[in-house]
């Protein structure tokens, strides 16, 4: 049986090109890739090509816990979509579509079995919301 798929999405107040850049540039990723203010992303690596590696370090600011979120790019369509195959074989596909004066960003990912669907959806949504805030601030400059 295949894993359930979870969808999260946000509207970014930035054109597709800026949203794509904020989503795929290590310096930007380090500014938004965490679900709450007590977490951080102190390091990120991106080799943005099919077969390239994506790696982001996520840590609690108090040092109590941390992990590397890693995957290999299976799909890279600049400004449109990317798919990561995570270390455990699950997939996460993110798409970028113009929407009014901004960009609709949608991620559909395979659920894992350790945490509830709701917890996974809430965590990924919080990260995507941080991304939207960061990309919108960048575009306003």
N, C-alpha and C. Protein backbone atom coordinates (compact mmCIF):
# COMPACT_ATOMS: atom_id res chain seq x y z
N UNK A 1 0.84 -1.18 0.00
CA UNK A 1 0.00 0.00 0.00
C UNK A 1 0.88 1.24 0.00
N UNK A 2 0.55 2.23 -0.83
CA UNK A 2 1.36 3.44 -0.90
C UNK A 2 1.00 4.38 0.24
N UNK A 3 1.95 5.23 0.56
CA UNK A 3 1.77 6.19 1.65
C UNK A 3 0.73 7.24 1.27
N UNK A 4 -0.04 7.72 2.26
CA UNK A 4 -0.95 8.83 1.98
C UNK A 4 -0.14 10.04 1.52
N UNK A 5 -0.77 10.87 0.71
CA UNK A 5 -0.12 12.09 0.23
C UNK A 5 -0.77 13.27 0.93
N UNK A 6 0.07 14.23 1.27
CA UNK A 6 -0.37 15.42 1.99
C UNK A 6 -0.08 16.63 1.11
N UNK A 7 -1.01 17.57 1.07
CA UNK A 7 -0.84 18.78 0.28
C UNK A 7 -0.83 19.99 1.20
N UNK A 8 0.15 20.87 0.98
CA UNK A 8 0.20 22.17 1.64
C UNK A 8 0.42 23.21 0.55
N UNK A 9 -0.10 24.41 0.77
CA UNK A 9 0.10 25.45 -0.23
C UNK A 9 0.03 26.82 0.40
N UNK A 10 0.58 27.79 -0.33
CA UNK A 10 0.58 29.17 0.13
C UNK A 10 0.59 30.09 -1.07
N UNK A 11 0.22 31.32 -0.83
CA UNK A 11 0.30 32.35 -1.87
C UNK A 11 1.43 33.29 -1.46
N UNK A 12 2.39 33.46 -2.36
CA UNK A 12 3.56 34.29 -2.11
C UNK A 12 3.36 35.63 -2.83
N UNK A 13 3.59 36.72 -2.12
CA UNK A 13 3.48 38.05 -2.70
C UNK A 13 4.77 38.40 -3.43
N UNK A 14 5.05 37.61 -4.46
CA UNK A 14 6.27 37.79 -5.26
C UNK A 14 6.05 37.10 -6.60
N UNK A 15 6.72 37.59 -7.64
CA UNK A 15 6.62 36.91 -8.93
C UNK A 15 7.27 35.52 -8.86
N UNK A 16 6.90 34.67 -9.80
CA UNK A 16 7.40 33.29 -9.81
C UNK A 16 8.92 33.24 -9.73
N UNK A 17 9.61 34.08 -10.47
CA UNK A 17 11.08 34.04 -10.49
C UNK A 17 11.67 34.28 -9.10
N UNK A 18 11.10 35.23 -8.37
CA UNK A 18 11.60 35.53 -7.02
C UNK A 18 11.24 34.42 -6.04
N UNK A 19 10.02 33.88 -6.16
CA UNK A 19 9.62 32.78 -5.29
C UNK A 19 10.52 31.56 -5.53
N UNK A 20 10.78 31.25 -6.79
CA UNK A 20 11.67 30.13 -7.13
C UNK A 20 13.05 30.34 -6.53
N UNK A 21 13.59 31.52 -6.70
CA UNK A 21 14.93 31.81 -6.17
C UNK A 21 14.97 31.66 -4.65
N UNK A 22 13.96 32.17 -3.95
CA UNK A 22 13.93 32.08 -2.49
C UNK A 22 13.80 30.63 -2.02
N UNK A 23 13.17 29.79 -2.85
CA UNK A 23 12.96 28.39 -2.48
C UNK A 23 14.19 27.53 -2.75
N UNK A 24 15.06 27.98 -3.65
CA UNK A 24 16.16 27.12 -4.11
C UNK A 24 17.56 27.65 -3.81
N UNK A 25 17.68 28.80 -3.18
CA UNK A 25 18.98 29.39 -2.86
C UNK A 25 19.33 29.10 -1.41
N UNK A 26 20.50 28.49 -1.15
CA UNK A 26 20.84 28.12 0.23
C UNK A 26 20.73 29.26 1.23
N UNK A 27 21.19 30.46 0.88
CA UNK A 27 21.14 31.59 1.81
C UNK A 27 19.70 31.93 2.19
N UNK A 28 18.79 31.84 1.22
CA UNK A 28 17.38 32.08 1.50
C UNK A 28 16.79 30.94 2.34
N UNK A 29 17.07 29.71 1.97
CA UNK A 29 16.55 28.55 2.69
C UNK A 29 16.87 28.65 4.18
N UNK A 30 18.07 29.09 4.50
CA UNK A 30 18.48 29.20 5.90
C UNK A 30 17.63 30.23 6.66
N UNK A 31 16.96 31.13 5.96
CA UNK A 31 16.15 32.17 6.61
C UNK A 31 14.70 31.76 6.83
N UNK A 32 14.24 30.69 6.15
CA UNK A 32 12.82 30.34 6.28
C UNK A 32 12.53 28.88 6.62
N UNK A 33 13.51 28.01 6.54
CA UNK A 33 13.26 26.56 6.63
C UNK A 33 13.17 26.04 8.06
N UNK A 34 12.11 26.45 8.77
CA UNK A 34 11.83 25.95 10.12
C UNK A 34 10.37 26.23 10.41
N UNK A 35 9.79 25.40 11.29
CA UNK A 35 8.35 25.45 11.53
C UNK A 35 7.95 26.43 12.64
N UNK A 36 8.89 26.79 13.51
CA UNK A 36 8.55 27.70 14.60
C UNK A 36 9.78 28.52 14.98
N UNK A 37 9.55 29.59 15.73
CA UNK A 37 10.62 30.53 16.08
C UNK A 37 11.69 29.92 16.98
N UNK A 38 11.41 28.77 17.60
CA UNK A 38 12.42 28.15 18.46
C UNK A 38 13.30 27.16 17.69
N UNK A 39 13.15 27.13 16.37
CA UNK A 39 13.99 26.31 15.49
C UNK A 39 14.74 27.21 14.53
N UNK A 40 15.78 26.67 13.91
CA UNK A 40 16.55 27.41 12.91
C UNK A 40 17.08 26.44 11.87
N UNK A 41 17.60 27.00 10.80
CA UNK A 41 18.22 26.24 9.72
C UNK A 41 19.62 26.83 9.52
N UNK A 42 20.62 26.32 10.26
CA UNK A 42 21.95 26.92 10.21
C UNK A 42 22.77 26.62 8.96
N UNK A 43 22.33 25.65 8.14
CA UNK A 43 23.10 25.30 6.94
C UNK A 43 22.17 24.72 5.88
N UNK A 44 22.48 25.02 4.63
CA UNK A 44 21.72 24.45 3.51
C UNK A 44 22.65 24.30 2.32
N UNK A 45 22.44 23.24 1.56
CA UNK A 45 23.19 22.99 0.33
C UNK A 45 22.20 22.64 -0.76
N UNK A 46 22.41 23.17 -1.96
CA UNK A 46 21.53 22.90 -3.08
C UNK A 46 22.39 22.68 -4.33
N UNK A 47 22.23 21.52 -4.95
CA UNK A 47 22.81 21.24 -6.27
C UNK A 47 21.61 21.04 -7.19
N UNK A 48 21.10 22.15 -7.71
CA UNK A 48 19.80 22.21 -8.37
C UNK A 48 19.86 21.65 -9.80
N UNK A 49 19.87 20.32 -9.87
CA UNK A 49 19.85 19.60 -11.14
C UNK A 49 19.33 18.21 -10.85
N UNK A 50 18.80 17.55 -11.85
CA UNK A 50 18.35 16.17 -11.66
C UNK A 50 19.56 15.35 -11.21
N UNK A 51 19.39 14.64 -10.10
CA UNK A 51 20.49 13.88 -9.50
C UNK A 51 21.28 14.66 -8.47
N UNK A 52 21.02 15.96 -8.37
CA UNK A 52 21.72 16.81 -7.40
C UNK A 52 21.14 16.65 -6.00
N UNK A 53 21.93 17.04 -5.03
CA UNK A 53 21.58 16.89 -3.62
C UNK A 53 20.95 18.17 -3.06
N UNK A 54 19.95 17.98 -2.22
CA UNK A 54 19.38 19.06 -1.40
C UNK A 54 19.60 18.64 0.05
N UNK A 55 20.17 19.53 0.85
CA UNK A 55 20.39 19.23 2.26
C UNK A 55 20.16 20.50 3.07
N UNK A 56 19.37 20.36 4.13
CA UNK A 56 19.13 21.50 5.03
C UNK A 56 19.20 20.99 6.46
N UNK A 57 20.02 21.62 7.26
CA UNK A 57 20.14 21.27 8.67
C UNK A 57 19.06 22.01 9.44
N UNK A 58 18.29 21.29 10.23
CA UNK A 58 17.25 21.90 11.04
C UNK A 58 17.57 21.59 12.49
N UNK A 59 17.56 22.62 13.35
CA UNK A 59 17.93 22.45 14.75
C UNK A 59 17.05 23.29 15.66
N UNK A 60 16.79 22.73 16.84
CA UNK A 60 16.16 23.53 17.90
C UNK A 60 17.20 24.54 18.35
N UNK A 61 16.80 25.78 18.56
CA UNK A 61 17.76 26.83 18.96
C UNK A 61 18.42 26.53 20.30
N UNK A 62 17.76 25.76 21.17
CA UNK A 62 18.36 25.43 22.46
C UNK A 62 19.33 24.25 22.37
N UNK A 63 19.52 23.71 21.17
CA UNK A 63 20.47 22.61 20.96
C UNK A 63 19.96 21.25 21.38
N UNK A 64 18.69 21.14 21.76
CA UNK A 64 18.16 19.87 22.27
C UNK A 64 17.92 18.83 21.18
N UNK A 65 17.79 19.24 19.92
CA UNK A 65 17.52 18.29 18.86
C UNK A 65 17.87 18.92 17.52
N UNK A 66 18.22 18.09 16.56
CA UNK A 66 18.49 18.56 15.22
C UNK A 66 18.53 17.39 14.26
N UNK A 67 18.35 17.69 12.98
CA UNK A 67 18.42 16.64 11.97
C UNK A 67 18.71 17.27 10.61
N UNK A 68 19.19 16.44 9.70
CA UNK A 68 19.42 16.86 8.33
C UNK A 68 18.24 16.41 7.49
N UNK A 69 17.63 17.33 6.77
CA UNK A 69 16.57 17.02 5.82
C UNK A 69 17.28 16.92 4.47
N UNK A 70 17.29 15.71 3.90
CA UNK A 70 18.06 15.48 2.68
C UNK A 70 17.23 14.80 1.61
N UNK A 71 17.57 15.12 0.38
CA UNK A 71 16.94 14.47 -0.76
C UNK A 71 17.77 14.64 -2.00
N UNK A 72 17.35 13.95 -3.04
CA UNK A 72 17.97 14.03 -4.36
C UNK A 72 16.92 14.55 -5.32
N UNK A 73 17.29 15.55 -6.12
CA UNK A 73 16.34 16.10 -7.08
C UNK A 73 16.06 15.10 -8.19
N UNK A 74 14.79 14.78 -8.35
CA UNK A 74 14.34 13.88 -9.40
C UNK A 74 13.78 14.67 -10.59
N UNK A 75 13.29 15.86 -10.29
CA UNK A 75 12.72 16.74 -11.30
C UNK A 75 13.14 18.16 -10.98
N UNK A 76 13.59 18.89 -12.00
CA UNK A 76 13.89 20.31 -11.85
C UNK A 76 13.43 21.01 -13.13
N UNK A 77 12.36 21.75 -13.03
CA UNK A 77 11.85 22.58 -14.12
C UNK A 77 11.88 24.01 -13.61
N UNK A 78 12.96 24.76 -13.85
CA UNK A 78 13.12 26.09 -13.27
C UNK A 78 11.87 26.97 -13.41
N UNK A 79 11.47 27.52 -12.26
CA UNK A 79 10.31 28.40 -12.22
C UNK A 79 8.97 27.67 -12.25
N UNK A 80 8.98 26.34 -12.36
CA UNK A 80 7.72 25.60 -12.46
C UNK A 80 7.56 24.52 -11.41
N UNK A 81 8.56 23.63 -11.28
CA UNK A 81 8.38 22.48 -10.37
C UNK A 81 9.71 21.85 -10.02
N UNK A 82 9.72 21.23 -8.85
CA UNK A 82 10.85 20.37 -8.48
C UNK A 82 10.33 19.23 -7.63
N UNK A 83 10.99 18.10 -7.74
CA UNK A 83 10.64 16.93 -6.94
C UNK A 83 11.89 16.43 -6.26
N UNK A 84 11.77 16.21 -4.95
CA UNK A 84 12.84 15.62 -4.15
C UNK A 84 12.46 14.20 -3.79
N UNK A 85 13.41 13.28 -3.92
CA UNK A 85 13.25 11.95 -3.38
C UNK A 85 14.03 11.95 -2.07
N UNK A 86 13.31 11.79 -0.97
CA UNK A 86 13.92 11.84 0.35
C UNK A 86 14.68 10.55 0.64
N UNK A 87 15.49 10.58 1.68
CA UNK A 87 16.34 9.44 2.01
C UNK A 87 15.61 8.14 2.23
N UNK A 88 14.35 8.22 2.66
CA UNK A 88 13.57 7.00 2.89
C UNK A 88 12.71 6.62 1.69
N UNK A 89 12.93 7.29 0.54
CA UNK A 89 12.21 6.95 -0.69
C UNK A 89 10.93 7.73 -0.92
N UNK A 90 10.48 8.49 0.08
CA UNK A 90 9.28 9.31 -0.11
C UNK A 90 9.60 10.44 -1.08
N UNK A 91 8.56 10.96 -1.71
CA UNK A 91 8.73 12.07 -2.65
C UNK A 91 8.00 13.31 -2.14
N UNK A 92 8.58 14.46 -2.50
CA UNK A 92 7.96 15.76 -2.22
C UNK A 92 8.07 16.58 -3.49
N UNK A 93 6.93 16.95 -4.07
CA UNK A 93 6.92 17.74 -5.30
C UNK A 93 6.34 19.11 -5.00
N UNK A 94 7.08 20.15 -5.41
CA UNK A 94 6.64 21.53 -5.19
C UNK A 94 6.47 22.20 -6.55
N UNK A 95 5.33 22.88 -6.72
CA UNK A 95 5.05 23.58 -7.97
C UNK A 95 4.88 25.07 -7.70
N UNK A 96 5.15 25.86 -8.71
CA UNK A 96 5.07 27.32 -8.67
C UNK A 96 4.20 27.77 -9.83
N UNK A 97 3.12 28.50 -9.53
CA UNK A 97 2.21 28.94 -10.58
C UNK A 97 1.82 30.40 -10.35
N UNK A 98 1.85 31.21 -11.41
CA UNK A 98 1.40 32.59 -11.26
C UNK A 98 -0.04 32.62 -10.75
N UNK A 99 -0.30 33.56 -9.84
CA UNK A 99 -1.65 33.70 -9.28
C UNK A 99 -1.85 35.17 -8.95
N UNK A 100 -2.62 35.86 -9.77
CA UNK A 100 -2.79 37.30 -9.59
C UNK A 100 -1.43 37.98 -9.69
N UNK A 101 -1.08 38.75 -8.66
CA UNK A 101 0.21 39.43 -8.66
C UNK A 101 1.27 38.65 -7.88
N UNK A 102 0.97 37.41 -7.55
CA UNK A 102 1.90 36.60 -6.78
C UNK A 102 2.10 35.23 -7.38
N UNK A 103 2.48 34.30 -6.52
CA UNK A 103 2.77 32.94 -6.93
C UNK A 103 2.12 31.96 -5.97
N UNK A 104 1.38 31.00 -6.50
CA UNK A 104 0.83 29.91 -5.70
C UNK A 104 1.89 28.82 -5.66
N UNK A 105 2.32 28.47 -4.43
CA UNK A 105 3.32 27.43 -4.24
C UNK A 105 2.62 26.27 -3.53
N UNK A 106 2.70 25.09 -4.14
CA UNK A 106 2.03 23.91 -3.62
C UNK A 106 3.03 22.78 -3.48
N UNK A 107 3.05 22.14 -2.32
CA UNK A 107 3.88 20.97 -2.10
C UNK A 107 2.97 19.79 -1.79
N UNK A 108 3.19 18.69 -2.51
CA UNK A 108 2.50 17.44 -2.25
C UNK A 108 3.58 16.43 -1.88
N UNK A 109 3.44 15.85 -0.70
CA UNK A 109 4.48 14.93 -0.24
C UNK A 109 3.89 13.65 0.32
N UNK A 110 4.67 12.58 0.24
CA UNK A 110 4.28 11.29 0.81
C UNK A 110 4.44 11.38 2.32
N UNK A 111 3.42 10.96 3.04
CA UNK A 111 3.47 10.97 4.50
C UNK A 111 4.44 9.89 4.99
N UNK A 112 5.00 10.13 6.16
CA UNK A 112 5.80 9.10 6.83
C UNK A 112 4.92 8.46 7.90
N UNK A 113 5.41 7.44 8.56
CA UNK A 113 4.57 6.67 9.47
C UNK A 113 4.80 6.98 10.94
N UNK A 114 5.80 7.79 11.28
CA UNK A 114 6.11 8.06 12.69
C UNK A 114 5.19 9.09 13.33
N UNK A 115 4.70 10.04 12.54
CA UNK A 115 3.90 11.14 13.08
C UNK A 115 2.54 11.16 12.41
N UNK A 116 1.56 11.75 13.08
CA UNK A 116 0.22 11.81 12.52
C UNK A 116 0.21 12.66 11.25
N UNK A 117 -0.79 12.40 10.42
CA UNK A 117 -0.98 13.19 9.20
C UNK A 117 -1.12 14.66 9.56
N UNK A 118 -1.89 14.95 10.59
CA UNK A 118 -2.13 16.34 11.00
C UNK A 118 -0.83 17.02 11.43
N UNK A 119 -0.01 16.31 12.19
CA UNK A 119 1.25 16.89 12.65
C UNK A 119 2.18 17.17 11.46
N UNK A 120 2.23 16.24 10.53
CA UNK A 120 3.06 16.45 9.34
C UNK A 120 2.54 17.62 8.51
N UNK A 121 1.23 17.66 8.28
CA UNK A 121 0.64 18.76 7.50
C UNK A 121 0.91 20.10 8.18
N UNK A 122 0.70 20.16 9.48
CA UNK A 122 0.91 21.41 10.21
C UNK A 122 2.37 21.86 10.15
N UNK A 123 3.30 20.94 10.31
CA UNK A 123 4.72 21.28 10.27
C UNK A 123 5.16 21.77 8.90
N UNK A 124 4.78 21.03 7.86
CA UNK A 124 5.15 21.45 6.50
C UNK A 124 4.46 22.76 6.13
N UNK A 125 3.22 22.94 6.58
CA UNK A 125 2.51 24.19 6.28
C UNK A 125 3.20 25.37 6.97
N UNK A 126 3.61 25.20 8.21
CA UNK A 126 4.29 26.28 8.93
C UNK A 126 5.58 26.66 8.22
N UNK A 127 6.32 25.69 7.74
CA UNK A 127 7.56 25.97 7.00
C UNK A 127 7.23 26.72 5.71
N UNK A 128 6.20 26.26 4.99
CA UNK A 128 5.82 26.92 3.74
C UNK A 128 5.33 28.35 4.00
N UNK A 129 4.64 28.56 5.11
CA UNK A 129 4.21 29.92 5.47
C UNK A 129 5.42 30.81 5.77
N UNK A 130 6.43 30.27 6.46
CA UNK A 130 7.67 31.03 6.68
C UNK A 130 8.32 31.39 5.36
N UNK A 131 8.32 30.44 4.44
CA UNK A 131 8.87 30.68 3.11
C UNK A 131 8.13 31.84 2.44
N UNK A 132 6.79 31.81 2.47
CA UNK A 132 6.00 32.86 1.82
C UNK A 132 6.30 34.23 2.41
N UNK A 133 6.42 34.29 3.73
CA UNK A 133 6.75 35.57 4.38
C UNK A 133 8.11 36.07 3.95
N UNK A 134 9.09 35.17 3.94
CA UNK A 134 10.46 35.56 3.54
C UNK A 134 10.48 36.03 2.08
N UNK A 135 9.90 35.24 1.18
CA UNK A 135 9.93 35.59 -0.24
C UNK A 135 9.20 36.89 -0.49
N UNK A 136 8.08 37.12 0.20
CA UNK A 136 7.35 38.37 0.05
C UNK A 136 8.17 39.57 0.51
N UNK A 137 8.88 39.41 1.64
CA UNK A 137 9.75 40.51 2.12
C UNK A 137 10.85 40.78 1.11
N UNK A 138 11.43 39.73 0.55
CA UNK A 138 12.52 39.90 -0.42
C UNK A 138 12.01 40.64 -1.66
N UNK A 139 10.83 40.29 -2.12
CA UNK A 139 10.27 40.91 -3.32
C UNK A 139 9.93 42.37 -3.09
N UNK A 140 9.59 42.74 -1.85
CA UNK A 140 9.21 44.11 -1.55
C UNK A 140 10.41 45.06 -1.53
N UNK A 141 11.59 44.51 -1.48
CA UNK A 141 12.80 45.36 -1.43
C UNK A 141 13.11 46.00 -2.74
